[in-house]
Protein backbone atom coordinates (compact mmCIF):
# COMPACT_ATOMS: atom_id res chain seq x y z
CA UNK A 1 175.17 102.55 49.29
CA UNK A 2 172.15 102.39 47.06
CA UNK A 3 171.91 105.04 44.37
CA UNK A 4 175.58 106.04 44.37
CA UNK A 5 177.85 105.45 41.44
CA UNK A 6 181.20 103.79 42.01
CA UNK A 7 184.20 104.95 40.02
CA UNK A 8 187.43 103.53 38.73
CA UNK A 9 189.99 106.24 38.12
CA UNK A 10 193.42 106.52 36.60
CA UNK A 11 195.87 109.08 37.96
CA UNK A 12 199.09 110.19 36.30
CA UNK A 13 202.19 111.63 37.92
CA UNK A 14 204.09 113.83 35.47
CA UNK A 15 207.02 114.09 37.89
CA UNK A 16 207.51 110.29 37.91
CA UNK A 17 205.84 109.38 34.58
CA UNK A 18 203.68 106.71 36.18
CA UNK A 19 200.02 105.78 36.50
CA UNK A 20 197.92 104.74 39.46
CA UNK A 21 194.59 102.91 39.19
CA UNK A 22 192.07 103.00 42.02
CA UNK A 23 188.37 103.10 42.85
CA UNK A 24 186.21 105.38 44.97
CA UNK A 25 182.76 106.87 45.41
CA UNK A 26 184.08 110.43 45.03
CA UNK A 27 186.97 110.73 42.58
CA UNK A 28 187.73 114.40 43.28
CA UNK A 29 187.89 113.82 47.04
CA UNK A 30 190.11 110.79 46.51
CA UNK A 31 192.43 112.81 44.25
CA UNK A 32 192.80 115.38 47.04
CA UNK A 33 193.70 112.58 49.47
CA UNK A 34 196.35 111.27 47.07
CA UNK A 35 197.81 114.75 46.59
CA UNK A 36 197.90 115.38 50.35
CA UNK A 37 199.94 112.20 50.86
CA UNK A 38 197.08 110.04 52.15
CA UNK A 39 198.16 106.90 50.31
CA UNK A 40 201.45 105.07 50.90
CA UNK A 41 202.12 104.30 47.22
CA UNK A 42 201.14 107.67 45.79
CA UNK A 43 202.55 109.98 48.48
CA UNK A 44 206.08 109.96 47.06
CA UNK A 45 204.98 110.53 43.48
CA UNK A 46 202.91 113.71 43.83
CA UNK A 47 201.33 115.69 42.29
CA UNK A 48 198.70 113.53 40.59
CA UNK A 49 196.07 114.42 38.00
CA UNK A 50 193.03 112.45 36.85
CA UNK A 51 193.48 111.22 33.29
CA UNK A 52 190.55 108.79 33.11
CA UNK A 53 187.46 107.76 35.10
CA UNK A 54 184.66 105.25 34.54
CA UNK A 55 181.43 104.92 36.49
CA UNK A 56 179.67 101.73 37.58
CA UNK A 57 176.36 101.15 39.36
CA UNK A 58 177.89 98.72 41.89
CA UNK A 59 181.09 98.48 43.88
CA UNK A 60 181.54 94.91 42.65
CA UNK A 61 181.60 96.04 39.00
CA UNK A 62 184.01 98.87 39.77
CA UNK A 63 186.39 96.55 41.63
CA UNK A 64 186.26 94.05 38.77
CA UNK A 65 187.25 96.79 36.29
CA UNK A 66 189.97 98.10 38.63
CA UNK A 67 191.42 94.60 38.92
CA UNK A 68 191.38 94.22 35.11
CA UNK A 69 193.15 97.56 34.57
CA UNK A 70 195.94 96.36 36.86
CA UNK A 71 196.62 93.28 34.71
CA UNK A 72 198.95 93.18 31.72
CA UNK A 73 195.99 93.29 29.34
CA UNK A 74 194.46 96.17 31.29
CA UNK A 75 197.71 98.18 31.24
CA UNK A 76 197.87 97.60 27.49
CA UNK A 77 194.28 98.89 27.17
CA UNK A 78 195.28 102.02 29.11
CA UNK A 79 198.37 102.50 26.91
CA UNK A 80 196.19 102.33 23.79
CA UNK A 81 193.20 104.37 25.03
CA UNK A 82 194.38 106.99 27.53
CA UNK A 83 196.35 109.91 26.17
CA UNK A 84 198.68 111.42 28.74
């Protein structure tokens, strides 16, 4: 999709004290899907709130950042930069 920004987002579940990292074109719509139980991993840990989002001009860049945030180094970056 030309002209659309791609997003990497971080959700937090206060009830389970855990994070979820994902990517989407529409972060708010994706949050609604997560909170309605539309994702296997996140359905049992609701409700979720957005605690961080980053925008990228291409899907490739967004997926690269998402992959990084799911690594040990990326989780450490989140621990040091995202206040829950």
